[in-house]
Amino acid sequence: MPLIADAQVHIWGADSPERPWVPGQAARAHRPLALTADALLDEMAAAGVDRAVLVPPSWEGDRNDLICDAVRRFPNRFAAMGRIAIEDPASRDLLPHWRDQGMHGVRLTFHLPYQRQWLLDGTADWFWPAAERHGIQVMVLPCGALPLIASIAERHPGLRLIIDHCSLHRTKDEAPAGMDPEEIGRLVQLARLPNVAVKVSALPLFSREAYPFRDLHDSIRQVFDAFGPKRSFWGSDMTRLDCTYRQAVTMFTHEIPWLQGDDLDWVMGRALGDWLGWPIAGS
């Protein structure tokens, strides 16, 4: 069995005066309790997951303290991709010292209309050359903005970008709609850019079928054939899934017959570690 590294898991603290939950938070998280780093380690052990990239949930704004603490305590188990307010001019002063906090990079989302506008009105323009200059990896959820992300990647060849969830998004209240073939078509066009990789993550959210979600397999193959095993990173986004964490793993490790051997090793964790500069202990 390959080493398994999850390219995205959210963690968050308990509801408290210092860290109050917003209304509806538990429903959006698919669970009523906090998910701490220690609790996640237990869930990872049960699912057969060795390592995970931690991302703060959106409802906490740009707080990165929990993921940074997790990386300090468990550096061989967790990596951190923090949030930053690109619309706030004060954020410009944060990037030179970003990695000093133990974070590997930044996670940005543009799936909401007001966020996509930042890619058009100049709000985000400062960020890309700064991230390139400081060697900061960027995970990005474009959802309808892939051509804009492609232009950014072309202008900044030293900037490493990872496209989240194959550029797909689904809210809790929406019915599964499959992997949109038009968005997948736009995604695979980015494979020509060597500084762009993709997270094949959160995909059970889009299946109209029960496990092992065979209606997704052809689209996964299309993405894999374009990006190859060294730029395709498995991930779960497990706190949003209706299936079990273990099923999110075995969908790839046991149910996709063409994904075998070294290719499986790369997709399930080795490629992610190489891309992020997060070496496996002892290797």
C-alpha atoms as a PDB file:
ATOM      1  CA  MET A   1       0.000   0.000   0.000  1.00  0.00           C
ATOM      2  CA  PRO A   2       1.433   3.435  -0.902  1.00  0.00           C
ATOM      3  CA  LEU A   3       1.998   6.199   1.599  1.00  0.00           C
ATOM      4  CA  ILE A   4      -1.262   8.148   1.571  1.00  0.00           C
ATOM      5  CA  ALA A   5      -1.263  11.924   1.914  1.00  0.00           C
ATOM      6  CA  ASP A   6      -4.547  13.814   1.884  1.00  0.00           C
ATOM      7  CA  ALA A   7      -4.269  17.053  -0.094  1.00  0.00           C
ATOM      8  CA  GLN A   8      -7.021  18.831   1.894  1.00  0.00           C
ATOM      9  CA  VAL A   9      -8.660  18.529   5.289  1.00  0.00           C
ATOM     10  CA  HIS A  10     -10.233  21.345   7.321  1.00  0.00           C
ATOM     11  CA  ILE A  11      -9.794  21.484  11.089  1.00  0.00           C
ATOM     12  CA  TRP A  12     -11.444  23.870  13.550  1.00  0.00           C
ATOM     13  CA  GLY A  13     -11.840  24.460  17.257  1.00  0.00           C
ATOM     14  CA  ALA A  14     -14.769  24.057  19.628  1.00  0.00           C
ATOM     15  CA  ASP A  15     -17.426  26.750  19.938  1.00  0.00           C
ATOM     16  CA  SER A  16     -16.150  29.233  22.537  1.00  0.00           C
ATOM     17  CA  PRO A  17     -16.269  32.957  23.328  1.00  0.00           C
ATOM     18  CA  GLU A  18     -12.779  33.316  21.880  1.00  0.00           C
ATOM     19  CA  ARG A  19     -13.684  31.244  18.823  1.00  0.00           C
ATOM     20  CA  PRO A  20     -17.459  31.535  18.336  1.00  0.00           C
ATOM     21  CA  TRP A  21     -19.159  29.453  15.692  1.00  0.00           C
ATOM     22  CA  VAL A  22     -21.287  31.271  13.150  1.00  0.00           C
ATOM     23  CA  PRO A  23     -24.949  30.226  12.694  1.00  0.00           C
ATOM     24  CA  GLY A  24     -25.272  27.081  10.605  1.00  0.00           C
ATOM     25  CA  GLN A  25     -21.591  26.179  10.937  1.00  0.00           C
ATOM     26  CA  ALA A  26     -22.155  22.634  12.197  1.00  0.00           C
ATOM     27  CA  ALA A  27     -24.545  21.868   9.324  1.00  0.00           C
ATOM     28  CA  ARG A  28     -22.067  23.105   6.745  1.00  0.00           C
ATOM     29  CA  ALA A  29     -19.332  21.034   8.346  1.00  0.00           C
ATOM     30  CA  HIS A  30     -21.437  17.845   8.244  1.00  0.00           C
ATOM     31  CA  ARG A  31     -20.597  17.347  11.927  1.00  0.00           C
ATOM     32  CA  PRO A  32     -21.658  19.064  15.162  1.00  0.00           C
ATOM     33  CA  LEU A  33     -18.310  18.964  16.983  1.00  0.00           C
ATOM     34  CA  ALA A  34     -14.893  20.481  16.581  1.00  0.00           C
ATOM     35  CA  LEU A  35     -12.321  18.631  14.509  1.00  0.00           C
ATOM     36  CA  THR A  36      -8.958  19.190  16.157  1.00  0.00           C
ATOM     37  CA  ALA A  37      -5.597  18.007  14.877  1.00  0.00           C
ATOM     38  CA  ASP A  38      -5.526  15.271  17.519  1.00  0.00           C
ATOM     39  CA  ALA A  39      -9.000  14.048  16.587  1.00  0.00           C
ATOM     40  CA  LEU A  40      -8.060  14.106  12.910  1.00  0.00           C
ATOM     41  CA  LEU A  41      -5.086  11.833  13.597  1.00  0.00           C
ATOM     42  CA  ASP A  42      -7.519   9.239  14.957  1.00  0.00           C
ATOM     43  CA  GLU A  43      -9.708   9.524  11.853  1.00  0.00           C
ATOM     44  CA  MET A  44      -6.661   9.278   9.597  1.00  0.00           C
ATOM     45  CA  ALA A  45      -5.526   6.106  11.373  1.00  0.00           C
ATOM     46  CA  ALA A  46      -8.943   4.511  10.863  1.00  0.00           C
ATOM     47  CA  ALA A  47      -8.982   5.459   7.170  1.00  0.00           C
ATOM     48  CA  GLY A  48      -5.368   4.469   6.452  1.00  0.00           C
ATOM     49  CA  VAL A  49      -4.176   8.024   5.780  1.00  0.00           C
ATOM     50  CA  ASP A  50      -0.590   8.855   6.774  1.00  0.00           C
ATOM     51  CA  ARG A  51      -0.358  12.628   6.227  1.00  0.00           C
ATOM     52  CA  ALA A  52      -2.669  15.552   5.474  1.00  0.00           C
ATOM     53  CA  VAL A  53      -2.551  19.125   4.261  1.00  0.00           C
ATOM     54  CA  LEU A  54      -4.546  21.317   6.642  1.00  0.00           C
ATOM     55  CA  VAL A  55      -6.643  24.277   5.501  1.00  0.00           C
ATOM     56  CA  PRO A  56      -8.703  26.526   7.807  1.00  0.00           C
ATOM     57  CA  PRO A  57     -12.462  26.508   7.100  1.00  0.00           C
ATOM     58  CA  SER A  58     -13.878  29.599   5.440  1.00  0.00           C
ATOM     59  CA  TRP A  59     -16.106  30.531   8.379  1.00  0.00           C
ATOM     60  CA  GLU A  60     -13.038  31.396  10.488  1.00  0.00           C
ATOM     61  CA  GLY A  61     -11.935  34.050   8.055  1.00  0.00           C
ATOM     62  CA  ASP A  62      -8.156  34.261   7.793  1.00  0.00           C
ATOM     63  CA  ARG A  63      -7.196  32.594  11.076  1.00  0.00           C
ATOM     64  CA  ASN A  64      -4.306  30.180  10.663  1.00  0.00           C
ATOM     65  CA  ASP A  65      -3.336  29.563  14.287  1.00  0.00           C
ATOM     66  CA  LEU A  66      -4.773  26.029  14.574  1.00  0.00           C
ATOM     67  CA  ILE A  67      -3.094  24.667  11.470  1.00  0.00           C
ATOM     68  CA  CYS A  68       0.238  26.278  12.381  1.00  0.00           C
ATOM     69  CA  ASP A  69       0.058  24.732  15.843  1.00  0.00           C
ATOM     70  CA  ALA A  70      -0.716  21.318  14.326  1.00  0.00           C
ATOM     71  CA  VAL A  71       2.332  21.520  12.053  1.00  0.00           C
ATOM     72  CA  ARG A  72       4.573  22.526  14.949  1.00  0.00           C
ATOM     73  CA  ARG A  73       3.403  19.515  16.966  1.00  0.00           C
ATOM     74  CA  PHE A  74       3.219  16.969  14.140  1.00  0.00           C
ATOM     75  CA  PRO A  75       5.552  18.125  11.342  1.00  0.00           C
ATOM     76  CA  ASN A  76       5.714  14.694   9.702  1.00  0.00           C
ATOM     77  CA  ARG A  77       1.940  14.261   9.706  1.00  0.00           C
ATOM     78  CA  PHE A  78       0.646  17.696   8.714  1.00  0.00           C
ATOM     79  CA  ALA A  79       1.441  20.503   6.281  1.00  0.00           C
ATOM     80  CA  ALA A  80      -0.368  23.845   6.308  1.00  0.00           C
ATOM     81  CA  MET A  81      -1.858  25.986   3.557  1.00  0.00           C
ATOM     82  CA  GLY A  82      -3.097  29.149   5.219  1.00  0.00           C
ATOM     83  CA  ARG A  83      -5.624  31.752   4.248  1.00  0.00           C
ATOM     84  CA  ILE A  84      -4.806  35.366   3.477  1.00  0.00           C
ATOM     85  CA  ALA A  85      -7.070  38.352   2.805  1.00  0.00           C
ATOM     86  CA  ILE A  86      -5.830  39.372  -0.641  1.00  0.00           C
ATOM     87  CA  GLU A  87      -8.336  42.239  -0.654  1.00  0.00           C
ATOM     88  CA  ASP A  88      -6.657  43.780   2.430  1.00  0.00           C
ATOM     89  CA  PRO A  89      -3.622  45.969   1.590  1.00  0.00           C
ATOM     90  CA  ALA A  90      -2.096  45.042   4.967  1.00  0.00           C
ATOM     91  CA  SER A  91      -1.682  41.466   3.718  1.00  0.00           C
ATOM     92  CA  ARG A  92       1.198  42.555   1.498  1.00  0.00           C
ATOM     93  CA  ASP A  93       3.418  42.720   4.563  1.00  0.00           C
ATOM     94  CA  LEU A  94       2.611  39.119   5.535  1.00  0.00           C
ATOM     95  CA  LEU A  95       4.022  37.230   2.563  1.00  0.00           C
ATOM     96  CA  PRO A  96       7.757  37.812   3.184  1.00  0.00           C
ATOM     97  CA  HIS A  97       7.391  35.984   6.516  1.00  0.00           C
ATOM     98  CA  TRP A  98       4.661  33.519   5.514  1.00  0.00           C
ATOM     99  CA  ARG A  99       6.798  30.403   5.573  1.00  0.00           C
ATOM    100  CA  ASP A 100       8.360  31.406   8.901  1.00  0.00           C
ATOM    101  CA  GLN A 101       5.078  30.343  10.533  1.00  0.00           C
ATOM    102  CA  GLY A 102       5.561  26.778   9.320  1.00  0.00           C
ATOM    103  CA  MET A 103       3.144  27.084   6.408  1.00  0.00           C
ATOM    104  CA  HIS A 104       3.921  25.690   2.985  1.00  0.00           C
ATOM    105  CA  GLY A 105       1.687  28.110   1.158  1.00  0.00           C
ATOM    106  CA  VAL A 106      -1.650  29.849   0.702  1.00  0.00           C
ATOM    107  CA  ARG A 107      -5.122  28.630  -0.180  1.00  0.00           C
ATOM    108  CA  LEU A 108      -7.369  31.014  -2.152  1.00  0.00           C
ATOM    109  CA  THR A 109     -10.982  30.563  -3.252  1.00  0.00           C
ATOM    110  CA  PHE A 110     -12.727  32.303  -6.143  1.00  0.00           C
ATOM    111  CA  HIS A 111     -15.947  30.268  -6.317  1.00  0.00           C
ATOM    112  CA  LEU A 112     -18.119  33.204  -5.185  1.00  0.00           C
ATOM    113  CA  PRO A 113     -18.901  36.059  -7.611  1.00  0.00           C
ATOM    114  CA  TYR A 114     -17.434  38.803  -5.423  1.00  0.00           C
ATOM    115  CA  GLN A 115     -14.191  36.812  -5.110  1.00  0.00           C
ATOM    116  CA  ARG A 116     -13.930  36.239  -8.859  1.00  0.00           C
ATOM    117  CA  GLN A 117     -14.245  39.983  -9.317  1.00  0.00           C
ATOM    118  CA  TRP A 118     -10.899  40.373  -7.520  1.00  0.00           C
ATOM    119  CA  LEU A 119      -9.276  38.618 -10.478  1.00  0.00           C
ATOM    120  CA  LEU A 120     -10.753  41.198 -12.857  1.00  0.00           C
ATOM    121  CA  ASP A 121     -10.576  44.529 -11.025  1.00  0.00           C
ATOM    122  CA  GLY A 122      -6.912  44.411  -9.998  1.00  0.00           C
ATOM    123  CA  THR A 123      -7.495  43.555  -6.340  1.00  0.00           C
ATOM    124  CA  ALA A 124      -5.484  40.309  -6.582  1.00  0.00           C
ATOM    125  CA  ASP A 125      -2.799  41.578  -8.950  1.00  0.00           C
ATOM    126  CA  TRP A 126      -0.247  42.256  -6.209  1.00  0.00           C
ATOM    127  CA  PHE A 127      -0.421  38.720  -4.835  1.00  0.00           C
ATOM    128  CA  TRP A 128       0.864  36.580  -7.723  1.00  0.00           C
ATOM    129  CA  PRO A 129       4.293  38.199  -8.249  1.00  0.00           C
ATOM    130  CA  ALA A 130       4.769  38.411  -4.480  1.00  0.00           C
ATOM    131  CA  ALA A 131       4.001  34.702  -4.011  1.00  0.00           C
ATOM    132  CA  GLU A 132       6.318  33.862  -6.904  1.00  0.00           C
ATOM    133  CA  ARG A 133       9.104  36.000  -5.438  1.00  0.00           C
ATOM    134  CA  HIS A 134       8.847  34.434  -1.977  1.00  0.00           C
ATOM    135  CA  GLY A 135       8.457  30.842  -3.176  1.00  0.00           C
ATOM    136  CA  ILE A 136       4.954  30.419  -1.764  1.00  0.00           C
ATOM    137  CA  GLN A 137       2.836  27.594  -3.127  1.00  0.00           C
ATOM    138  CA  VAL A 138      -0.793  28.464  -3.932  1.00  0.00           C
ATOM    139  CA  MET A 139      -3.839  26.217  -3.856  1.00  0.00           C
ATOM    140  CA  VAL A 140      -6.733  27.856  -5.656  1.00  0.00           C
ATOM    141  CA  LEU A 141     -10.406  27.030  -6.231  1.00  0.00           C
ATOM    142  CA  PRO A 142     -11.236  28.897  -9.487  1.00  0.00           C
ATOM    143  CA  CYS A 143     -14.739  27.607 -10.407  1.00  0.00           C
ATOM    144  CA  GLY A 144     -15.478  29.536 -13.582  1.00  0.00           C
ATOM    145  CA  ALA A 145     -12.224  31.476 -13.594  1.00  0.00           C
ATOM    146  CA  LEU A 146      -9.844  28.889 -15.061  1.00  0.00           C
ATOM    147  CA  PRO A 147      -8.885  31.037 -18.091  1.00  0.00           C
ATOM    148  CA  LEU A 148      -7.870  33.821 -15.695  1.00  0.00           C
ATOM    149  CA  ILE A 149      -5.812  31.386 -13.614  1.00  0.00           C
ATOM    150  CA  ALA A 150      -4.166  30.105 -16.793  1.00  0.00           C
ATOM    151  CA  SER A 151      -3.110  33.649 -17.685  1.00  0.00           C
ATOM    152  CA  ILE A 152      -1.642  34.121 -14.210  1.00  0.00           C
ATOM    153  CA  ALA A 153       0.321  30.875 -14.478  1.00  0.00           C
ATOM    154  CA  GLU A 154       1.674  31.919 -17.881  1.00  0.00           C
ATOM    155  CA  ARG A 155       2.778  35.332 -16.613  1.00  0.00           C
ATOM    156  CA  HIS A 156       4.442  33.855 -13.518  1.00  0.00           C
ATOM    157  CA  PRO A 157       6.225  30.636 -14.528  1.00  0.00           C
ATOM    158  CA  GLY A 158       7.999  30.454 -11.166  1.00  0.00           C
ATOM    159  CA  LEU A 159       4.683  30.408  -9.293  1.00  0.00           C
ATOM    160  CA  ARG A 160       3.409  26.931  -8.442  1.00  0.00           C
ATOM    161  CA  LEU A 161      -0.366  26.643  -8.570  1.00  0.00           C
ATOM    162  CA  ILE A 162      -2.559  23.722  -7.510  1.00  0.00           C
ATOM    163  CA  ILE A 163      -6.152  23.677  -8.789  1.00  0.00           C
ATOM    164  CA  ASP A 164      -8.500  22.489  -6.042  1.00  0.00           C
ATOM    165  CA  HIS A 165     -11.178  19.818  -6.541  1.00  0.00           C
ATOM    166  CA  CYS A 166     -10.659  19.731 -10.331  1.00  0.00           C
ATOM    167  CA  SER A 167     -12.121  23.278 -10.281  1.00  0.00           C
ATOM    168  CA  LEU A 168     -15.531  21.924  -9.220  1.00  0.00           C
ATOM    169  CA  HIS A 169     -17.743  23.199  -6.401  1.00  0.00           C
ATOM    170  CA  ARG A 170     -20.983  22.044  -4.853  1.00  0.00           C
ATOM    171  CA  THR A 171     -22.820  23.474  -1.856  1.00  0.00           C
ATOM    172  CA  LYS A 172     -24.471  21.214   0.704  1.00  0.00           C
ATOM    173  CA  ASP A 173     -27.946  22.048  -0.606  1.00  0.00           C
ATOM    174  CA  GLU A 174     -27.196  21.297  -4.259  1.00  0.00           C
ATOM    175  CA  ALA A 175     -27.803  17.883  -5.790  1.00  0.00           C
ATOM    176  CA  PRO A 176     -24.750  16.002  -7.114  1.00  0.00           C
ATOM    177  CA  ALA A 177     -24.286  16.946 -10.748  1.00  0.00           C
ATOM    178  CA  GLY A 178     -21.346  14.866 -11.907  1.00  0.00           C
ATOM    179  CA  MET A 179     -17.976  16.244 -12.958  1.00  0.00           C
ATOM    180  CA  ASP A 180     -18.950  19.081 -15.308  1.00  0.00           C
ATOM    181  CA  PRO A 181     -17.434  18.079 -18.687  1.00  0.00           C
ATOM    182  CA  GLU A 182     -17.030  21.689 -19.810  1.00  0.00           C
ATOM    183  CA  GLU A 183     -15.070  22.648 -16.682  1.00  0.00           C
ATOM    184  CA  ILE A 184     -12.988  19.473 -16.943  1.00  0.00           C
ATOM    185  CA  GLY A 185     -12.276  20.388 -20.562  1.00  0.00           C
ATOM    186  CA  ARG A 186     -11.042  23.807 -19.470  1.00  0.00           C
ATOM    187  CA  LEU A 187      -9.009  22.233 -16.682  1.00  0.00           C
ATOM    188  CA  VAL A 188      -7.078  19.794 -18.850  1.00  0.00           C
ATOM    189  CA  GLN A 189      -5.999  22.681 -21.096  1.00  0.00           C
ATOM    190  CA  LEU A 190      -3.954  23.983 -18.156  1.00  0.00           C
ATOM    191  CA  ALA A 191      -1.886  20.785 -18.114  1.00  0.00           C
ATOM    192  CA  ARG A 192       0.351  22.323 -20.785  1.00  0.00           C
ATOM    193  CA  LEU A 193       1.696  24.656 -18.070  1.00  0.00           C
ATOM    194  CA  PRO A 194       4.373  22.873 -16.002  1.00  0.00           C
ATOM    195  CA  ASN A 195       3.769  25.094 -12.968  1.00  0.00           C
ATOM    196  CA  VAL A 196       0.130  23.949 -12.610  1.00  0.00           C
ATOM    197  CA  ALA A 197      -0.995  20.796 -10.777  1.00  0.00           C
ATOM    198  CA  VAL A 198      -4.446  19.552  -9.768  1.00  0.00           C
ATOM    199  CA  LYS A 199      -6.087  18.109  -6.669  1.00  0.00           C
ATOM    200  CA  VAL A 200      -8.373  15.210  -7.564  1.00  0.00           C
ATOM    201  CA  SER A 201     -10.143  15.882  -4.297  1.00  0.00           C
ATOM    202  CA  ALA A 202     -13.682  16.060  -2.858  1.00  0.00           C
ATOM    203  CA  LEU A 203     -14.920  14.160  -5.912  1.00  0.00           C
ATOM    204  CA  PRO A 204     -17.535  11.914  -4.207  1.00  0.00           C
ATOM    205  CA  LEU A 205     -19.520  15.134  -3.731  1.00  0.00           C
ATOM    206  CA  PHE A 206     -20.255  15.149  -7.461  1.00  0.00           C
ATOM    207  CA  SER A 207     -21.294  11.530  -7.964  1.00  0.00           C
ATOM    208  CA  ARG A 208     -24.910  10.589  -8.640  1.00  0.00           C
ATOM    209  CA  GLU A 209     -24.100   7.005  -7.680  1.00  0.00           C
ATOM    210  CA  ALA A 210     -23.204   5.123  -4.527  1.00  0.00           C
ATOM    211  CA  TYR A 211     -19.663   4.019  -3.741  1.00  0.00           C
ATOM    212  CA  PRO A 212     -17.405   3.377  -5.673  1.00  0.00           C
ATOM    213  CA  PHE A 213     -18.771   6.351  -7.666  1.00  0.00           C
ATOM    214  CA  ARG A 214     -18.124   4.835 -11.087  1.00  0.00           C
ATOM    215  CA  ASP A 215     -19.748   7.750 -12.898  1.00  0.00           C
ATOM    216  CA  LEU A 216     -16.672   9.814 -11.957  1.00  0.00           C
ATOM    217  CA  HIS A 217     -14.008   7.426 -13.185  1.00  0.00           C
ATOM    218  CA  ASP A 218     -13.887   8.490 -16.850  1.00  0.00           C
ATOM    219  CA  SER A 219     -13.449  12.157 -15.906  1.00  0.00           C
ATOM    220  CA  ILE A 220     -10.752  11.250 -13.388  1.00  0.00           C
ATOM    221  CA  ARG A 221      -8.952   9.379 -16.160  1.00  0.00           C
ATOM    222  CA  GLN A 222      -9.207  12.434 -18.413  1.00  0.00           C
ATOM    223  CA  VAL A 223      -7.591  14.629 -15.746  1.00  0.00           C
ATOM    224  CA  PHE A 224      -4.932  12.030 -14.958  1.00  0.00           C
ATOM    225  CA  ASP A 225      -4.023  11.559 -18.626  1.00  0.00           C
ATOM    226  CA  ALA A 226      -3.552  15.315 -18.989  1.00  0.00           C
ATOM    227  CA  PHE A 227      -1.595  16.100 -15.818  1.00  0.00           C
ATOM    228  CA  GLY A 228       0.100  12.756 -15.236  1.00  0.00           C
ATOM    229  CA  PRO A 229       0.795  11.046 -11.904  1.00  0.00           C
ATOM    230  CA  LYS A 230       3.310  13.633 -10.680  1.00  0.00           C
ATOM    231  CA  ARG A 231       0.874  16.566 -10.950  1.00  0.00           C
ATOM    232  CA  SER A 232      -2.334  14.827  -9.789  1.00  0.00           C
ATOM    233  CA  PHE A 233      -2.864  14.818  -6.014  1.00  0.00           C
ATOM    234  CA  TRP A 234      -5.515  12.737  -4.245  1.00  0.00           C
ATOM    235  CA  GLY A 235      -7.428  14.499  -1.485  1.00  0.00           C
ATOM    236  CA  SER A 236     -10.637  14.053   0.461  1.00  0.00           C
ATOM    237  CA  ASP A 237     -11.991  17.327   1.874  1.00  0.00           C
ATOM    238  CA  MET A 238     -13.445  14.724   4.217  1.00  0.00           C
ATOM    239  CA  THR A 239     -15.522  17.024   6.422  1.00  0.00           C
ATOM    240  CA  ARG A 240     -17.815  17.772   3.467  1.00  0.00           C
ATOM    241  CA  LEU A 241     -18.301  14.201   2.254  1.00  0.00           C
ATOM    242  CA  ASP A 242     -21.367  12.028   2.703  1.00  0.00           C
ATOM    243  CA  CYS A 243     -19.291   8.859   2.290  1.00  0.00           C
ATOM    244  CA  THR A 244     -16.794   7.567   4.840  1.00  0.00           C
ATOM    245  CA  TYR A 245     -13.195   8.758   4.941  1.00  0.00           C
ATOM    246  CA  ARG A 246     -12.067   5.212   4.196  1.00  0.00           C
ATOM    247  CA  GLN A 247     -14.272   5.079   1.087  1.00  0.00           C
ATOM    248  CA  ALA A 248     -12.713   8.303  -0.191  1.00  0.00           C
ATOM    249  CA  VAL A 249      -9.365   6.495   0.008  1.00  0.00           C
ATOM    250  CA  THR A 250     -10.353   3.108  -1.400  1.00  0.00           C
ATOM    251  CA  MET A 251     -12.214   4.649  -4.317  1.00  0.00           C
ATOM    252  CA  PHE A 252      -8.707   5.380  -5.665  1.00  0.00           C
ATOM    253  CA  THR A 253      -6.640   2.583  -4.134  1.00  0.00           C
ATOM    254  CA  HIS A 254      -9.038  -0.311  -4.860  1.00  0.00           C
ATOM    255  CA  GLU A 255     -11.699   0.700  -7.383  1.00  0.00           C
ATOM    256  CA  ILE A 256      -9.899   2.347 -10.318  1.00  0.00           C
ATOM    257  CA  PRO A 257      -8.299  -0.559 -12.214  1.00  0.00           C
ATOM    258  CA  TRP A 258      -6.016   1.525 -14.428  1.00  0.00           C
ATOM    259  CA  LEU A 259      -4.422   3.309 -11.451  1.00  0.00           C
ATOM    260  CA  GLN A 260      -1.732   0.873 -10.308  1.00  0.00           C
ATOM    261  CA  GLY A 261       1.909   0.574  -9.248  1.00  0.00           C
ATOM    262  CA  ASP A 262       4.087   3.675  -9.323  1.00  0.00           C
ATOM    263  CA  ASP A 263       1.266   5.793 -10.740  1.00  0.00           C
ATOM    264  CA  LEU A 264      -0.866   4.995  -7.687  1.00  0.00           C
ATOM    265  CA  ASP A 265       2.050   5.786  -5.353  1.00  0.00           C
ATOM    266  CA  TRP A 266       2.521   9.192  -6.940  1.00  0.00           C
ATOM    267  CA  VAL A 267      -1.164  10.145  -6.940  1.00  0.00           C
ATOM    268  CA  MET A 268      -1.873   9.012  -3.375  1.00  0.00           C
ATOM    269  CA  GLY A 269       0.907  11.002  -1.743  1.00  0.00           C
ATOM    270  CA  ARG A 270       4.366  10.933  -3.214  1.00  0.00           C
ATOM    271  CA  ALA A 271       3.663  13.615  -5.811  1.00  0.00           C
ATOM    272  CA  LEU A 272       2.108  15.966  -3.263  1.00  0.00           C
ATOM    273  CA  GLY A 273       5.142  15.699  -0.996  1.00  0.00           C
ATOM    274  CA  ASP A 274       7.504  16.421  -3.880  1.00  0.00           C
ATOM    275  CA  TRP A 275       5.481  19.378  -5.139  1.00  0.00           C
ATOM    276  CA  LEU A 276       5.193  21.025  -1.711  1.00  0.00           C
ATOM    277  CA  GLY A 277       8.766  20.291  -0.703  1.00  0.00           C
ATOM    278  CA  TRP A 278       7.453  18.201   2.195  1.00  0.00           C
ATOM    279  CA  PRO A 279       9.777  15.186   2.228  1.00  0.00           C
ATOM    280  CA  ILE A 280       8.844  11.887   3.805  1.00  0.00           C
ATOM    281  CA  ALA A 281      10.769  11.339   7.044  1.00  0.00           C
ATOM    282  CA  GLY A 282      13.742   9.057   6.469  1.00  0.00           C
ATOM    283  CA  SER A 283      13.672   9.384   2.670  1.00  0.00           C
END
